[in-house]
Amino acid sequence: MERIPSFSKNHDTLSVGLHECGTAYGVTTWDLRFKKPNGGDYVTPKASHTIEHLLATVLRNSDKKDNIVYFGPMGCRTGFYL
């Protein structure tokens, strides 16, 4: 079974910021990290939902819209995938 690139990273060493997760099938996944993983301080569901809608709207109306496949929250509530 192939290993998922983002699962191979040590999330305890990731800091807040933008991190490249990997590329598969010509698509690069980015980790937009707002909170430190496993830090006990997480993005609230309400804030996450608001950010998701704001950024998705901006991205879908930008000149990059044809190059963006997905923008959405991480289940761990520390950031978003792009």
N, C-alpha and C. Protein backbone atom coordinates (compact mmCIF):
# COMPACT_ATOMS: atom_id res chain seq x y z
N MET A 1 0.85 -1.17 0.00
CA MET A 1 0.00 0.00 0.00
C MET A 1 0.90 1.24 0.00
N GLU A 2 0.56 2.21 -0.84
CA GLU A 2 1.33 3.45 -0.90
C GLU A 2 1.08 4.29 0.34
N ARG A 3 2.12 4.94 0.77
CA ARG A 3 2.01 5.82 1.93
C ARG A 3 1.59 7.22 1.48
N ILE A 4 0.67 7.82 2.17
CA ILE A 4 0.22 9.18 1.86
C ILE A 4 1.30 10.15 2.33
N PRO A 5 1.81 11.02 1.42
CA PRO A 5 2.94 11.90 1.78
C PRO A 5 2.72 12.72 3.05
N SER A 6 1.54 13.29 3.22
CA SER A 6 1.32 14.14 4.40
C SER A 6 1.32 13.33 5.70
N PHE A 7 1.03 12.02 5.61
CA PHE A 7 1.05 11.18 6.80
C PHE A 7 2.48 10.82 7.20
N SER A 8 3.42 11.05 6.31
CA SER A 8 4.83 10.73 6.59
C SER A 8 5.54 11.83 7.36
N LYS A 9 4.91 12.99 7.44
CA LYS A 9 5.53 14.13 8.15
C LYS A 9 5.31 13.99 9.66
N ASN A 10 6.28 14.46 10.41
CA ASN A 10 6.14 14.51 11.86
C ASN A 10 5.36 15.79 12.19
N HIS A 11 4.09 15.65 12.45
CA HIS A 11 3.24 16.82 12.68
C HIS A 11 3.58 17.57 13.96
N ASP A 12 4.24 16.90 14.90
CA ASP A 12 4.63 17.59 16.13
C ASP A 12 5.72 18.64 15.90
N THR A 13 6.42 18.55 14.77
CA THR A 13 7.47 19.53 14.47
C THR A 13 7.00 20.64 13.53
N LEU A 14 5.78 20.53 13.00
CA LEU A 14 5.25 21.56 12.10
C LEU A 14 4.91 22.82 12.89
N SER A 15 5.22 23.94 12.30
CA SER A 15 4.87 25.22 12.91
C SER A 15 3.72 25.84 12.14
N VAL A 16 3.20 26.92 12.66
CA VAL A 16 2.17 27.68 11.97
C VAL A 16 2.78 28.21 10.67
N GLY A 17 2.02 28.15 9.57
CA GLY A 17 2.52 28.65 8.29
C GLY A 17 2.01 27.81 7.13
N LEU A 18 2.64 27.98 5.99
CA LEU A 18 2.27 27.28 4.77
C LEU A 18 3.31 26.21 4.48
N HIS A 19 2.85 24.97 4.34
CA HIS A 19 3.75 23.83 4.13
C HIS A 19 3.29 23.03 2.92
N GLU A 20 4.22 22.62 2.08
CA GLU A 20 3.89 21.75 0.95
C GLU A 20 3.75 20.33 1.47
N CYS A 21 2.61 19.70 1.19
CA CYS A 21 2.36 18.33 1.65
C CYS A 21 2.91 17.30 0.67
N GLY A 22 2.84 17.61 -0.60
CA GLY A 22 3.30 16.67 -1.61
C GLY A 22 2.55 16.89 -2.92
N THR A 23 3.00 16.18 -3.94
CA THR A 23 2.38 16.28 -5.26
C THR A 23 2.04 14.88 -5.75
N ALA A 24 0.84 14.73 -6.26
CA ALA A 24 0.40 13.46 -6.85
C ALA A 24 -0.50 13.78 -8.04
N TYR A 25 -0.26 13.09 -9.13
CA TYR A 25 -1.07 13.26 -10.34
C TYR A 25 -1.08 14.71 -10.83
N GLY A 26 0.03 15.41 -10.62
CA GLY A 26 0.15 16.78 -11.09
C GLY A 26 -0.50 17.82 -10.19
N VAL A 27 -0.99 17.39 -9.03
CA VAL A 27 -1.66 18.30 -8.10
C VAL A 27 -0.83 18.40 -6.83
N THR A 28 -0.47 19.62 -6.44
CA THR A 28 0.28 19.85 -5.21
C THR A 28 -0.70 20.23 -4.11
N THR A 29 -0.56 19.59 -2.96
CA THR A 29 -1.40 19.89 -1.80
C THR A 29 -0.59 20.75 -0.83
N TRP A 30 -1.23 21.82 -0.36
CA TRP A 30 -0.61 22.72 0.61
C TRP A 30 -1.35 22.64 1.93
N ASP A 31 -0.60 22.73 3.00
CA ASP A 31 -1.10 22.71 4.36
C ASP A 31 -0.99 24.13 4.89
N LEU A 32 -2.12 24.80 5.04
CA LEU A 32 -2.16 26.16 5.57
C LEU A 32 -2.46 26.05 7.06
N ARG A 33 -1.42 26.06 7.85
CA ARG A 33 -1.50 25.74 9.27
C ARG A 33 -1.69 27.00 10.10
N PHE A 34 -2.81 27.10 10.82
CA PHE A 34 -3.11 28.24 11.68
C PHE A 34 -2.69 28.00 13.13
N LYS A 35 -2.70 26.74 13.54
CA LYS A 35 -2.39 26.36 14.92
C LYS A 35 -1.35 25.25 14.93
N LYS A 36 -0.58 25.14 15.98
CA LYS A 36 0.43 24.09 16.11
C LYS A 36 -0.27 22.75 16.33
N PRO A 37 0.09 21.72 15.56
CA PRO A 37 -0.52 20.40 15.74
C PRO A 37 -0.32 19.87 17.17
N ASN A 38 -1.34 19.23 17.68
CA ASN A 38 -1.32 18.61 19.01
C ASN A 38 -0.96 19.61 20.12
N GLY A 39 -1.27 20.89 19.88
CA GLY A 39 -0.93 21.92 20.86
C GLY A 39 -2.01 22.20 21.87
N GLY A 40 -3.19 21.64 21.67
CA GLY A 40 -4.29 21.87 22.61
C GLY A 40 -5.11 23.11 22.31
N ASP A 41 -4.64 23.96 21.41
CA ASP A 41 -5.34 25.18 21.02
C ASP A 41 -5.76 25.00 19.57
N TYR A 42 -7.06 24.97 19.31
CA TYR A 42 -7.54 24.64 17.97
C TYR A 42 -8.45 25.73 17.41
N VAL A 43 -8.62 25.74 16.09
CA VAL A 43 -9.54 26.66 15.43
C VAL A 43 -10.96 26.20 15.78
N THR A 44 -11.80 27.12 16.21
CA THR A 44 -13.17 26.74 16.56
C THR A 44 -13.94 26.37 15.29
N PRO A 45 -14.94 25.50 15.41
CA PRO A 45 -15.73 25.14 14.23
C PRO A 45 -16.37 26.37 13.56
N LYS A 46 -16.83 27.32 14.35
CA LYS A 46 -17.46 28.53 13.79
C LYS A 46 -16.45 29.34 12.97
N ALA A 47 -15.24 29.53 13.52
CA ALA A 47 -14.19 30.26 12.81
C ALA A 47 -13.76 29.50 11.56
N SER A 48 -13.62 28.20 11.68
CA SER A 48 -13.22 27.36 10.55
C SER A 48 -14.22 27.46 9.40
N HIS A 49 -15.49 27.42 9.74
CA HIS A 49 -16.54 27.50 8.72
C HIS A 49 -16.53 28.86 8.03
N THR A 50 -16.33 29.92 8.80
CA THR A 50 -16.27 31.27 8.24
C THR A 50 -15.07 31.42 7.31
N ILE A 51 -13.90 30.98 7.77
CA ILE A 51 -12.68 31.06 6.95
C ILE A 51 -12.84 30.24 5.68
N GLU A 52 -13.42 29.05 5.80
CA GLU A 52 -13.64 28.19 4.64
C GLU A 52 -14.46 28.91 3.57
N HIS A 53 -15.55 29.54 3.96
CA HIS A 53 -16.41 30.22 2.99
C HIS A 53 -15.76 31.47 2.42
N LEU A 54 -15.10 32.25 3.26
CA LEU A 54 -14.43 33.46 2.77
C LEU A 54 -13.33 33.13 1.77
N LEU A 55 -12.43 32.21 2.14
CA LEU A 55 -11.31 31.89 1.25
C LEU A 55 -11.77 31.15 0.01
N ALA A 56 -12.74 30.24 0.15
CA ALA A 56 -13.24 29.53 -1.03
C ALA A 56 -13.85 30.52 -2.02
N THR A 57 -14.59 31.51 -1.53
CA THR A 57 -15.19 32.51 -2.41
C THR A 57 -14.13 33.35 -3.09
N VAL A 58 -13.14 33.81 -2.34
CA VAL A 58 -12.05 34.61 -2.92
C VAL A 58 -11.29 33.80 -3.95
N LEU A 59 -10.92 32.56 -3.60
CA LEU A 59 -10.14 31.72 -4.52
C LEU A 59 -10.90 31.39 -5.80
N ARG A 60 -12.19 31.10 -5.68
CA ARG A 60 -13.00 30.74 -6.85
C ARG A 60 -13.27 31.92 -7.77
N ASN A 61 -13.03 33.12 -7.26
CA ASN A 61 -13.22 34.32 -8.07
C ASN A 61 -11.89 34.98 -8.46
N SER A 62 -10.78 34.31 -8.18
CA SER A 62 -9.47 34.87 -8.49
C SER A 62 -8.98 34.39 -9.86
N ASP A 63 -7.89 34.97 -10.31
CA ASP A 63 -7.31 34.54 -11.59
C ASP A 63 -6.66 33.16 -11.48
N LYS A 64 -6.59 32.59 -10.29
CA LYS A 64 -6.02 31.26 -10.06
C LYS A 64 -7.08 30.16 -10.00
N LYS A 65 -8.35 30.53 -10.18
CA LYS A 65 -9.45 29.58 -9.97
C LYS A 65 -9.35 28.31 -10.79
N ASP A 66 -8.78 28.37 -11.98
CA ASP A 66 -8.67 27.17 -12.81
C ASP A 66 -7.55 26.24 -12.35
N ASN A 67 -6.74 26.70 -11.41
CA ASN A 67 -5.63 25.90 -10.90
C ASN A 67 -5.85 25.41 -9.47
N ILE A 68 -7.02 25.67 -8.92
CA ILE A 68 -7.32 25.26 -7.54
C ILE A 68 -8.39 24.18 -7.58
N VAL A 69 -8.07 23.05 -6.96
CA VAL A 69 -8.99 21.91 -6.94
C VAL A 69 -9.88 21.95 -5.70
N TYR A 70 -9.30 22.33 -4.56
CA TYR A 70 -10.02 22.22 -3.30
C TYR A 70 -9.44 23.17 -2.26
N PHE A 71 -10.29 23.71 -1.41
CA PHE A 71 -9.89 24.42 -0.21
C PHE A 71 -10.85 24.01 0.89
N GLY A 72 -10.35 23.47 1.99
CA GLY A 72 -11.23 23.05 3.06
C GLY A 72 -10.48 22.82 4.36
N PRO A 73 -11.23 22.71 5.46
CA PRO A 73 -10.63 22.57 6.78
C PRO A 73 -10.06 21.19 7.04
N MET A 74 -9.07 21.15 7.91
CA MET A 74 -8.51 19.88 8.38
C MET A 74 -9.39 19.36 9.51
N GLY A 75 -9.55 18.08 9.57
CA GLY A 75 -10.34 17.48 10.64
C GLY A 75 -9.76 17.73 12.02
N CYS A 76 -8.45 17.95 12.09
CA CYS A 76 -7.78 18.17 13.38
C CYS A 76 -7.96 19.60 13.89
N ARG A 77 -8.60 20.45 13.09
CA ARG A 77 -8.91 21.84 13.45
C ARG A 77 -7.68 22.69 13.71
N THR A 78 -6.60 22.44 12.95
CA THR A 78 -5.41 23.28 13.09
C THR A 78 -5.16 24.11 11.84
N GLY A 79 -5.95 23.91 10.79
CA GLY A 79 -5.74 24.67 9.57
C GLY A 79 -6.58 24.16 8.42
N PHE A 80 -6.06 24.38 7.21
CA PHE A 80 -6.81 24.08 5.99
C PHE A 80 -5.90 23.44 4.95
N TYR A 81 -6.51 22.70 4.06
CA TYR A 81 -5.80 22.15 2.90
C TYR A 81 -6.17 22.97 1.67
N LEU A 82 -5.16 23.21 0.83
CA LEU A 82 -5.37 23.91 -0.44
C LEU A 82 -4.72 23.06 -1.52
